[in-house]
Amino acid sequence: MTTKLIKIGNSRGILIPSSILKKLSLKEKDELMIQIQDGRIVLSVVTSEFTGPFTGPFAELAQYAPDEEDTRDALEIARELHDSRVNTREIPSL
């Protein structure tokens, strides 16, 4: 299968046929990694979902896993966790 470069603003892009999008379950705004390997352009699907369990000292972080309704960033979540620990004297202040 071949495709051509097209102009998108000041950049160039390619059209990915719908048959490939369906086969890989890709949808608009999915993130792809682009790399050059042995003179070839390689696209890979970026999976950002964490699928493993939090363990050890990170077990408590599971309750802070973001959901679609959570607009806090990682720093806000870390501060909340830190503040809750400081109030119980479990860790020193930052």
PDB file of N, CA and C in Angstrom:
ATOM      1  N   MET A   1       0.849  -1.167   0.000  1.00  0.00           N
ATOM      2  CA  MET A   1       0.000   0.000   0.000  1.00  0.00           C
ATOM      3  C   MET A   1       0.898   1.234   0.000  1.00  0.00           C
ATOM      4  N   THR A   2       0.564   2.231  -0.778  1.00  0.00           N
ATOM      5  CA  THR A   2       1.345   3.459  -0.822  1.00  0.00           C
ATOM      6  C   THR A   2       0.455   4.642  -0.474  1.00  0.00           C
ATOM      7  N   THR A   3       1.095   5.729  -0.075  1.00  0.00           N
ATOM      8  CA  THR A   3       0.399   6.978   0.209  1.00  0.00           C
ATOM      9  C   THR A   3       1.346   8.109  -0.158  1.00  0.00           C
ATOM     10  N   LYS A   4       0.845   9.321  -0.232  1.00  0.00           N
ATOM     11  CA  LYS A   4       1.678  10.471  -0.605  1.00  0.00           C
ATOM     12  C   LYS A   4       1.697  11.488   0.524  1.00  0.00           C
ATOM     13  N   LEU A   5       2.781  12.252   0.566  1.00  0.00           N
ATOM     14  CA  LEU A   5       2.854  13.366   1.508  1.00  0.00           C
ATOM     15  C   LEU A   5       1.894  14.460   1.071  1.00  0.00           C
ATOM     16  N   ILE A   6       1.223  15.064   2.031  1.00  0.00           N
ATOM     17  CA  ILE A   6       0.347  16.200   1.747  1.00  0.00           C
ATOM     18  C   ILE A   6       0.762  17.368   2.638  1.00  0.00           C
ATOM     19  N   LYS A   7       0.479  18.571   2.193  1.00  0.00           N
ATOM     20  CA  LYS A   7       0.817  19.757   2.961  1.00  0.00           C
ATOM     21  C   LYS A   7      -0.244  19.994   4.028  1.00  0.00           C
ATOM     22  N   ILE A   8       0.228  20.193   5.268  1.00  0.00           N
ATOM     23  CA  ILE A   8      -0.651  20.510   6.396  1.00  0.00           C
ATOM     24  C   ILE A   8      -0.019  21.705   7.093  1.00  0.00           C
ATOM     25  N   GLY A   9      -0.493  22.909   6.786  1.00  0.00           N
ATOM     26  CA  GLY A   9       0.140  24.120   7.316  1.00  0.00           C
ATOM     27  C   GLY A   9       1.547  24.228   6.763  1.00  0.00           C
ATOM     28  N   ASN A  10       2.526  24.418   7.647  1.00  0.00           N
ATOM     29  CA  ASN A  10       3.926  24.474   7.229  1.00  0.00           C
ATOM     30  C   ASN A  10       4.588  23.096   7.247  1.00  0.00           C
ATOM     31  N   SER A  11       3.853  22.078   7.644  1.00  0.00           N
ATOM     32  CA  SER A  11       4.394  20.726   7.755  1.00  0.00           C
ATOM     33  C   SER A  11       3.887  19.859   6.609  1.00  0.00           C
ATOM     34  N   ARG A  12       4.239  18.602   6.649  1.00  0.00           N
ATOM     35  CA  ARG A  12       3.738  17.624   5.711  1.00  0.00           C
ATOM     36  C   ARG A  12       3.207  16.438   6.501  1.00  0.00           C
ATOM     37  N   GLY A  13       2.235  15.762   5.952  1.00  0.00           N
ATOM     38  CA  GLY A  13       1.644  14.616   6.626  1.00  0.00           C
ATOM     39  C   GLY A  13       1.287  13.548   5.626  1.00  0.00           C
ATOM     40  N   ILE A  14       0.803  12.447   6.144  1.00  0.00           N
ATOM     41  CA  ILE A  14       0.323  11.361   5.286  1.00  0.00           C
ATOM     42  C   ILE A  14      -1.101  11.021   5.694  1.00  0.00           C
ATOM     43  N   LEU A  15      -1.835  10.473   4.762  1.00  0.00           N
ATOM     44  CA  LEU A  15      -3.170   9.952   5.067  1.00  0.00           C
ATOM     45  C   LEU A  15      -3.027   8.468   5.356  1.00  0.00           C
ATOM     46  N   ILE A  16      -3.599   8.048   6.458  1.00  0.00           N
ATOM     47  CA  ILE A  16      -3.582   6.628   6.809  1.00  0.00           C
ATOM     48  C   ILE A  16      -4.929   6.058   6.398  1.00  0.00           C
ATOM     49  N   PRO A  17      -4.919   5.058   5.545  1.00  0.00           N
ATOM     50  CA  PRO A  17      -6.185   4.489   5.062  1.00  0.00           C
ATOM     51  C   PRO A  17      -7.064   3.984   6.202  1.00  0.00           C
ATOM     52  N   SER A  18      -8.375   4.108   6.016  1.00  0.00           N
ATOM     53  CA  SER A  18      -9.322   3.716   7.062  1.00  0.00           C
ATOM     54  C   SER A  18      -9.200   2.242   7.421  1.00  0.00           C
ATOM     55  N   SER A  19      -8.816   1.404   6.466  1.00  0.00           N
ATOM     56  CA  SER A  19      -8.662  -0.028   6.770  1.00  0.00           C
ATOM     57  C   SER A  19      -7.565  -0.249   7.819  1.00  0.00           C
ATOM     58  N   ILE A  20      -6.498   0.524   7.757  1.00  0.00           N
ATOM     59  CA  ILE A  20      -5.413   0.416   8.747  1.00  0.00           C
ATOM     60  C   ILE A  20      -5.872   0.998  10.075  1.00  0.00           C
ATOM     61  N   LEU A  21      -6.572   2.136  10.030  1.00  0.00           N
ATOM     62  CA  LEU A  21      -7.076   2.747  11.267  1.00  0.00           C
ATOM     63  C   LEU A  21      -7.992   1.778  12.009  1.00  0.00           C
ATOM     64  N   LYS A  22      -8.872   1.116  11.282  1.00  0.00           N
ATOM     65  CA  LYS A  22      -9.784   0.159  11.913  1.00  0.00           C
ATOM     66  C   LYS A  22      -9.029  -1.032  12.487  1.00  0.00           C
ATOM     67  N   LYS A  23      -8.072  -1.553  11.722  1.00  0.00           N
ATOM     68  CA  LYS A  23      -7.320  -2.732  12.164  1.00  0.00           C
ATOM     69  C   LYS A  23      -6.558  -2.453  13.457  1.00  0.00           C
ATOM     70  N   LEU A  24      -6.064  -1.212  13.618  1.00  0.00           N
ATOM     71  CA  LEU A  24      -5.306  -0.832  14.814  1.00  0.00           C
ATOM     72  C   LEU A  24      -6.174  -0.122  15.857  1.00  0.00           C
ATOM     73  N   SER A  25      -7.457   0.005  15.584  1.00  0.00           N
ATOM     74  CA  SER A  25      -8.399   0.708  16.473  1.00  0.00           C
ATOM     75  C   SER A  25      -7.937   2.131  16.773  1.00  0.00           C
ATOM     76  N   LEU A  26      -7.420   2.819  15.759  1.00  0.00           N
ATOM     77  CA  LEU A  26      -6.965   4.201  15.925  1.00  0.00           C
ATOM     78  C   LEU A  26      -8.105   5.161  15.650  1.00  0.00           C
ATOM     79  N   LYS A  27      -8.100   6.254  16.395  1.00  0.00           N
ATOM     80  CA  LYS A  27      -9.097   7.294  16.168  1.00  0.00           C
ATOM     81  C   LYS A  27      -8.415   8.653  16.199  1.00  0.00           C
ATOM     82  N   GLU A  28      -9.144   9.668  15.796  1.00  0.00           N
ATOM     83  CA  GLU A  28      -8.601  11.026  15.750  1.00  0.00           C
ATOM     84  C   GLU A  28      -8.008  11.418  17.097  1.00  0.00           C
ATOM     85  N   LYS A  29      -6.866  12.045  17.062  1.00  0.00           N
ATOM     86  CA  LYS A  29      -6.117  12.555  18.218  1.00  0.00           C
ATOM     87  C   LYS A  29      -5.378  11.475  19.002  1.00  0.00           C
ATOM     88  N   ASP A  30      -5.427  10.202  18.561  1.00  0.00           N
ATOM     89  CA  ASP A  30      -4.576   9.193  19.184  1.00  0.00           C
ATOM     90  C   ASP A  30      -3.130   9.604  18.940  1.00  0.00           C
ATOM     91  N   GLU A  31      -2.266   9.272  19.882  1.00  0.00           N
ATOM     92  CA  GLU A  31      -0.868   9.667  19.787  1.00  0.00           C
ATOM     93  C   GLU A  31      -0.040   8.566  19.138  1.00  0.00           C
ATOM     94  N   LEU A  32       0.807   8.979  18.192  1.00  0.00           N
ATOM     95  CA  LEU A  32       1.699   8.053  17.516  1.00  0.00           C
ATOM     96  C   LEU A  32       3.140   8.503  17.718  1.00  0.00           C
ATOM     97  N   MET A  33       4.041   7.551  17.866  1.00  0.00           N
ATOM     98  CA  MET A  33       5.474   7.823  17.946  1.00  0.00           C
ATOM     99  C   MET A  33       6.025   7.668  16.545  1.00  0.00           C
ATOM    100  N   ILE A  34       6.830   8.637  16.089  1.00  0.00           N
ATOM    101  CA  ILE A  34       7.453   8.532  14.772  1.00  0.00           C
ATOM    102  C   ILE A  34       8.960   8.432  14.969  1.00  0.00           C
ATOM    103  N   GLN A  35       9.562   7.428  14.327  1.00  0.00           N
ATOM    104  CA  GLN A  35      10.996   7.190  14.447  1.00  0.00           C
ATOM    105  C   GLN A  35      11.566   6.845  13.081  1.00  0.00           C
ATOM    106  N   ILE A  36      12.870   7.035  12.967  1.00  0.00           N
ATOM    107  CA  ILE A  36      13.584   6.596  11.775  1.00  0.00           C
ATOM    108  C   ILE A  36      14.419   5.394  12.190  1.00  0.00           C
ATOM    109  N   GLN A  37      14.198   4.253  11.538  1.00  0.00           N
ATOM    110  CA  GLN A  37      14.941   3.027  11.833  1.00  0.00           C
ATOM    111  C   GLN A  37      15.420   2.421  10.520  1.00  0.00           C
ATOM    112  N   ASP A  38      16.730   2.304  10.387  1.00  0.00           N
ATOM    113  CA  ASP A  38      17.324   1.718   9.182  1.00  0.00           C
ATOM    114  C   ASP A  38      16.803   2.383   7.903  1.00  0.00           C
ATOM    115  N   GLY A  39      16.721   3.717   7.927  1.00  0.00           N
ATOM    116  CA  GLY A  39      16.285   4.456   6.749  1.00  0.00           C
ATOM    117  C   GLY A  39      14.797   4.385   6.472  1.00  0.00           C
ATOM    118  N   ARG A  40      14.016   3.901   7.428  1.00  0.00           N
ATOM    119  CA  ARG A  40      12.565   3.799   7.266  1.00  0.00           C
ATOM    120  C   ARG A  40      11.861   4.668   8.298  1.00  0.00           C
ATOM    121  N   ILE A  41      10.708   5.169   7.947  1.00  0.00           N
ATOM    122  CA  ILE A  41       9.859   5.886   8.899  1.00  0.00           C
ATOM    123  C   ILE A  41       8.977   4.842   9.567  1.00  0.00           C
ATOM    124  N   VAL A  42       9.025   4.800  10.896  1.00  0.00           N
ATOM    125  CA  VAL A  42       8.245   3.817  11.645  1.00  0.00           C
ATOM    126  C   VAL A  42       7.277   4.550  12.558  1.00  0.00           C
ATOM    127  N   LEU A  43       5.999   4.256  12.432  1.00  0.00           N
ATOM    128  CA  LEU A  43       4.965   4.810  13.308  1.00  0.00           C
ATOM    129  C   LEU A  43       4.543   3.740  14.298  1.00  0.00           C
ATOM    130  N   SER A  44       4.444   4.123  15.564  1.00  0.00           N
ATOM    131  CA  SER A  44       3.998   3.198  16.599  1.00  0.00           C
ATOM    132  C   SER A  44       2.919   3.869  17.428  1.00  0.00           C
ATOM    133  N   VAL A  45       1.942   3.101  17.837  1.00  0.00           N
ATOM    134  CA  VAL A  45       0.885   3.613  18.695  1.00  0.00           C
ATOM    135  C   VAL A  45       1.459   3.834  20.092  1.00  0.00           C
ATOM    136  N   VAL A  46       1.226   5.014  20.646  1.00  0.00           N
ATOM    137  CA  VAL A  46       1.674   5.322  22.000  1.00  0.00           C
ATOM    138  C   VAL A  46       0.578   4.916  22.953  1.00  0.00           C
ATOM    139  N   THR A  47       0.907   4.040  23.884  1.00  0.00           N
ATOM    140  CA  THR A  47      -0.067   3.638  24.895  1.00  0.00           C
ATOM    141  C   THR A  47       0.315   4.303  26.204  1.00  0.00           C
ATOM    142  N   SER A  48      -0.540   5.173  26.681  1.00  0.00           N
ATOM    143  CA  SER A  48      -0.228   5.912  27.895  1.00  0.00           C
ATOM    144  C   SER A  48      -0.999   5.390  29.104  1.00  0.00           C
ATOM    145  N   GLU A  49      -1.867   4.432  28.886  1.00  0.00           N
ATOM    146  CA  GLU A  49      -2.626   3.861  29.993  1.00  0.00           C
ATOM    147  C   GLU A  49      -1.728   2.981  30.841  1.00  0.00           C
ATOM    148  N   PHE A  50      -1.729   3.175  32.138  1.00  0.00           N
ATOM    149  CA  PHE A  50      -0.974   2.330  33.045  1.00  0.00           C
ATOM    150  C   PHE A  50      -1.818   1.115  33.346  1.00  0.00           C
ATOM    151  N   THR A  51      -1.282  -0.065  33.081  1.00  0.00           N
ATOM    152  CA  THR A  51      -2.087  -1.274  33.259  1.00  0.00           C
ATOM    153  C   THR A  51      -1.657  -2.121  34.450  1.00  0.00           C
ATOM    154  N   GLY A  52      -0.516  -1.821  35.036  1.00  0.00           N
ATOM    155  CA  GLY A  52      -0.032  -2.634  36.148  1.00  0.00           C
ATOM    156  C   GLY A  52      -0.445  -2.070  37.486  1.00  0.00           C
ATOM    157  N   PRO A  53      -0.293  -2.854  38.528  1.00  0.00           N
ATOM    158  CA  PRO A  53      -0.663  -2.370  39.860  1.00  0.00           C
ATOM    159  C   PRO A  53       0.417  -1.472  40.448  1.00  0.00           C
ATOM    160  N   PHE A  54       0.001  -0.526  41.263  1.00  0.00           N
ATOM    161  CA  PHE A  54       0.953   0.242  42.045  1.00  0.00           C
ATOM    162  C   PHE A  54       1.351  -0.639  43.223  1.00  0.00           C
ATOM    163  N   THR A  55       2.651  -0.697  43.506  1.00  0.00           N
ATOM    164  CA  THR A  55       3.105  -1.547  44.596  1.00  0.00           C
ATOM    165  C   THR A  55       4.056  -0.783  45.499  1.00  0.00           C
ATOM    166  N   GLY A  56       4.337  -1.362  46.639  1.00  0.00           N
ATOM    167  CA  GLY A  56       5.299  -0.783  47.577  1.00  0.00           C
ATOM    168  C   GLY A  56       4.914   0.631  47.974  1.00  0.00           C
ATOM    169  N   PRO A  57       5.896   1.537  47.967  1.00  0.00           N
ATOM    170  CA  PRO A  57       5.629   2.907  48.411  1.00  0.00           C
ATOM    171  C   PRO A  57       4.682   3.656  47.481  1.00  0.00           C
ATOM    172  N   PHE A  58       4.412   3.105  46.289  1.00  0.00           N
ATOM    173  CA  PHE A  58       3.542   3.781  45.331  1.00  0.00           C
ATOM    174  C   PHE A  58       2.095   3.292  45.392  1.00  0.00           C
ATOM    175  N   ALA A  59       1.812   2.321  46.251  1.00  0.00           N
ATOM    176  CA  ALA A  59       0.473   1.740  46.312  1.00  0.00           C
ATOM    177  C   ALA A  59      -0.591   2.798  46.577  1.00  0.00           C
ATOM    178  N   GLU A  60      -0.281   3.759  47.442  1.00  0.00           N
ATOM    179  CA  GLU A  60      -1.257   4.792  47.776  1.00  0.00           C
ATOM    180  C   GLU A  60      -1.586   5.690  46.587  1.00  0.00           C
ATOM    181  N   LEU A  61      -0.688   5.746  45.599  1.00  0.00           N
ATOM    182  CA  LEU A  61      -0.918   6.607  44.442  1.00  0.00           C
ATOM    183  C   LEU A  61      -2.081   6.140  43.577  1.00  0.00           C
ATOM    184  N   ALA A  62      -2.460   4.879  43.670  1.00  0.00           N
ATOM    185  CA  ALA A  62      -3.542   4.356  42.841  1.00  0.00           C
ATOM    186  C   ALA A  62      -4.819   5.166  43.007  1.00  0.00           C
ATOM    187  N   GLN A  63      -5.069   5.653  44.214  1.00  0.00           N
ATOM    188  CA  GLN A  63      -6.291   6.433  44.428  1.00  0.00           C
ATOM    189  C   GLN A  63      -6.239   7.786  43.733  1.00  0.00           C
ATOM    190  N   TYR A  64      -5.047   8.199  43.307  1.00  0.00           N
ATOM    191  CA  TYR A  64      -4.898   9.489  42.642  1.00  0.00           C
ATOM    192  C   TYR A  64      -4.816   9.352  41.127  1.00  0.00           C
ATOM    193  N   ALA A  65      -5.052   8.159  40.595  1.00  0.00           N
ATOM    194  CA  ALA A  65      -5.017   7.976  39.149  1.00  0.00           C
ATOM    195  C   ALA A  65      -6.069   8.897  38.524  1.00  0.00           C
ATOM    196  N   PRO A  66      -5.678   9.675  37.515  1.00  0.00           N
ATOM    197  CA  PRO A  66      -6.614  10.645  36.937  1.00  0.00           C
ATOM    198  C   PRO A  66      -7.749   9.966  36.186  1.00  0.00           C
ATOM    199  N   ASP A  67      -8.878  10.625  36.199  1.00  0.00           N
ATOM    200  CA  ASP A  67      -9.987  10.179  35.368  1.00  0.00           C
ATOM    201  C   ASP A  67     -10.406  11.360  34.506  1.00  0.00           C
ATOM    202  N   GLU A  68     -11.384  11.172  33.665  1.00  0.00           N
ATOM    203  CA  GLU A  68     -11.774  12.217  32.722  1.00  0.00           C
ATOM    204  C   GLU A  68     -12.284  13.474  33.412  1.00  0.00           C
ATOM    205  N   GLU A  69     -12.828  13.343  34.616  1.00  0.00           N
ATOM    206  CA  GLU A  69     -13.388  14.489  35.319  1.00  0.00           C
ATOM    207  C   GLU A  69     -12.359  15.205  36.193  1.00  0.00           C
ATOM    208  N   ASP A  70     -11.180  14.613  36.367  1.00  0.00           N
ATOM    209  CA  ASP A  70     -10.142  15.180  37.222  1.00  0.00           C
ATOM    210  C   ASP A  70      -9.287  16.132  36.404  1.00  0.00           C
ATOM    211  N   THR A  71      -9.315  17.415  36.760  1.00  0.00           N
ATOM    212  CA  THR A  71      -8.559  18.412  36.010  1.00  0.00           C
ATOM    213  C   THR A  71      -7.272  18.805  36.715  1.00  0.00           C
ATOM    214  N   ARG A  72      -6.958  18.138  37.832  1.00  0.00           N
ATOM    215  CA  ARG A  72      -5.722  18.462  38.540  1.00  0.00           C
ATOM    216  C   ARG A  72      -4.525  17.943  37.763  1.00  0.00           C
ATOM    217  N   ASP A  73      -3.395  18.660  37.868  1.00  0.00           N
ATOM    218  CA  ASP A  73      -2.182  18.142  37.253  1.00  0.00           C
ATOM    219  C   ASP A  73      -1.384  17.362  38.298  1.00  0.00           C
ATOM    220  N   ALA A  74      -0.307  16.740  37.868  1.00  0.00           N
ATOM    221  CA  ALA A  74       0.478  15.880  38.752  1.00  0.00           C
ATOM    222  C   ALA A  74       1.023  16.636  39.951  1.00  0.00           C
ATOM    223  N   LEU A  75       1.426  17.895  39.762  1.00  0.00           N
ATOM    224  CA  LEU A  75       1.973  18.677  40.868  1.00  0.00           C
ATOM    225  C   LEU A  75       0.917  18.934  41.935  1.00  0.00           C
ATOM    226  N   GLU A  76      -0.303  19.244  41.516  1.00  0.00           N
ATOM    227  CA  GLU A  76      -1.381  19.460  42.489  1.00  0.00           C
ATOM    228  C   GLU A  76      -1.658  18.182  43.289  1.00  0.00           C
ATOM    229  N   ILE A  77      -1.677  17.055  42.602  1.00  0.00           N
ATOM    230  CA  ILE A  77      -1.929  15.784  43.278  1.00  0.00           C
ATOM    231  C   ILE A  77      -0.801  15.481  44.262  1.00  0.00           C
ATOM    232  N   ALA A  78       0.451  15.712  43.832  1.00  0.00           N
ATOM    233  CA  ALA A  78       1.596  15.471  44.718  1.00  0.00           C
ATOM    234  C   ALA A  78       1.534  16.365  45.946  1.00  0.00           C
ATOM    235  N   ARG A  79       1.149  17.632  45.759  1.00  0.00           N
ATOM    236  CA  ARG A  79       1.045  18.546  46.909  1.00  0.00           C
ATOM    237  C   ARG A  79      -0.036  18.093  47.884  1.00  0.00           C
ATOM    238  N   GLU A  80      -1.170  17.646  47.349  1.00  0.00           N
ATOM    239  CA  GLU A  80      -2.238  17.159  48.219  1.00  0.00           C
ATOM    240  C   GLU A  80      -1.767  15.952  49.027  1.00  0.00           C
ATOM    241  N   LEU A  81      -1.090  15.020  48.367  1.00  0.00           N
ATOM    242  CA  LEU A  81      -0.574  13.850  49.059  1.00  0.00           C
ATOM    243  C   LEU A  81       0.455  14.269  50.108  1.00  0.00           C
ATOM    244  N   HIS A  82       1.345  15.180  49.731  1.00  0.00           N
ATOM    245  CA  HIS A  82       2.363  15.665  50.666  1.00  0.00           C
ATOM    246  C   HIS A  82       1.702  16.321  51.872  1.00  0.00           C
ATOM    247  N   ASP A  83       0.733  17.210  51.621  1.00  0.00           N
ATOM    248  CA  ASP A  83       0.074  17.917  52.722  1.00  0.00           C
ATOM    249  C   ASP A  83      -0.623  16.948  53.664  1.00  0.00           C
ATOM    250  N   SER A  84      -1.231  15.906  53.125  1.00  0.00           N
ATOM    251  CA  SER A  84      -1.902  14.941  53.999  1.00  0.00           C
ATOM    252  C   SER A  84      -0.873  14.189  54.842  1.00  0.00           C
ATOM    253  N   ARG A  85       0.297  13.947  54.308  1.00  0.00           N
ATOM    254  CA  ARG A  85       1.353  13.257  55.055  1.00  0.00           C
ATOM    255  C   ARG A  85       1.966  14.175  56.113  1.00  0.00           C
ATOM    256  N   VAL A  86       2.158  15.448  55.763  1.00  0.00           N
ATOM    257  CA  VAL A  86       2.755  16.396  56.716  1.00  0.00           C
ATOM    258  C   VAL A  86       1.853  16.548  57.929  1.00  0.00           C
ATOM    259  N   ASN A  87       0.556  16.588  57.680  1.00  0.00           N
ATOM    260  CA  ASN A  87      -0.394  16.736  58.789  1.00  0.00           C
ATOM    261  C   ASN A  87      -0.365  15.560  59.736  1.00  0.00           C
ATOM    262  N   THR A  88       0.077  14.395  59.252  1.00  0.00           N
ATOM    263  CA  THR A  88       0.169  13.234  60.136  1.00  0.00           C
ATOM    264  C   THR A  88       1.621  12.955  60.545  1.00  0.00           C
ATOM    265  N   ARG A  89       2.527  13.856  60.165  1.00  0.00           N
ATOM    266  CA  ARG A  89       3.951  13.787  60.535  1.00  0.00           C
ATOM    267  C   ARG A  89       4.645  12.548  59.998  1.00  0.00           C
ATOM    268  N   GLU A  90       4.165  12.004  58.867  1.00  0.00           N
ATOM    269  CA  GLU A  90       4.797  10.811  58.302  1.00  0.00           C
ATOM    270  C   GLU A  90       6.025  11.133  57.479  1.00  0.00           C
ATOM    271  N   ILE A  91       6.043  12.323  56.859  1.00  0.00           N
ATOM    272  CA  ILE A  91       7.212  12.714  56.074  1.00  0.00           C
ATOM    273  C   ILE A  91       7.557  14.164  56.397  1.00  0.00           C
ATOM    274  N   PRO A  92       8.807  14.575  56.222  1.00  0.00           N
ATOM    275  CA  PRO A  92       9.185  15.959  56.511  1.00  0.00           C
ATOM    276  C   PRO A  92       8.643  16.900  55.438  1.00  0.00           C
ATOM    277  N   SER A  93       8.569  18.173  55.759  1.00  0.00           N
ATOM    278  CA  SER A  93       8.095  19.194  54.810  1.00  0.00           C
ATOM    279  C   SER A  93       9.076  19.347  53.664  1.00  0.00           C
ATOM    280  N   LEU A  94       8.545  19.743  52.522  1.00  0.00           N
ATOM    281  CA  LEU A  94       9.402  20.006  51.357  1.00  0.00           C
ATOM    282  C   LEU A  94       9.977  21.398  51.442  1.00  0.00           C
TER     283      LEU A  94
END
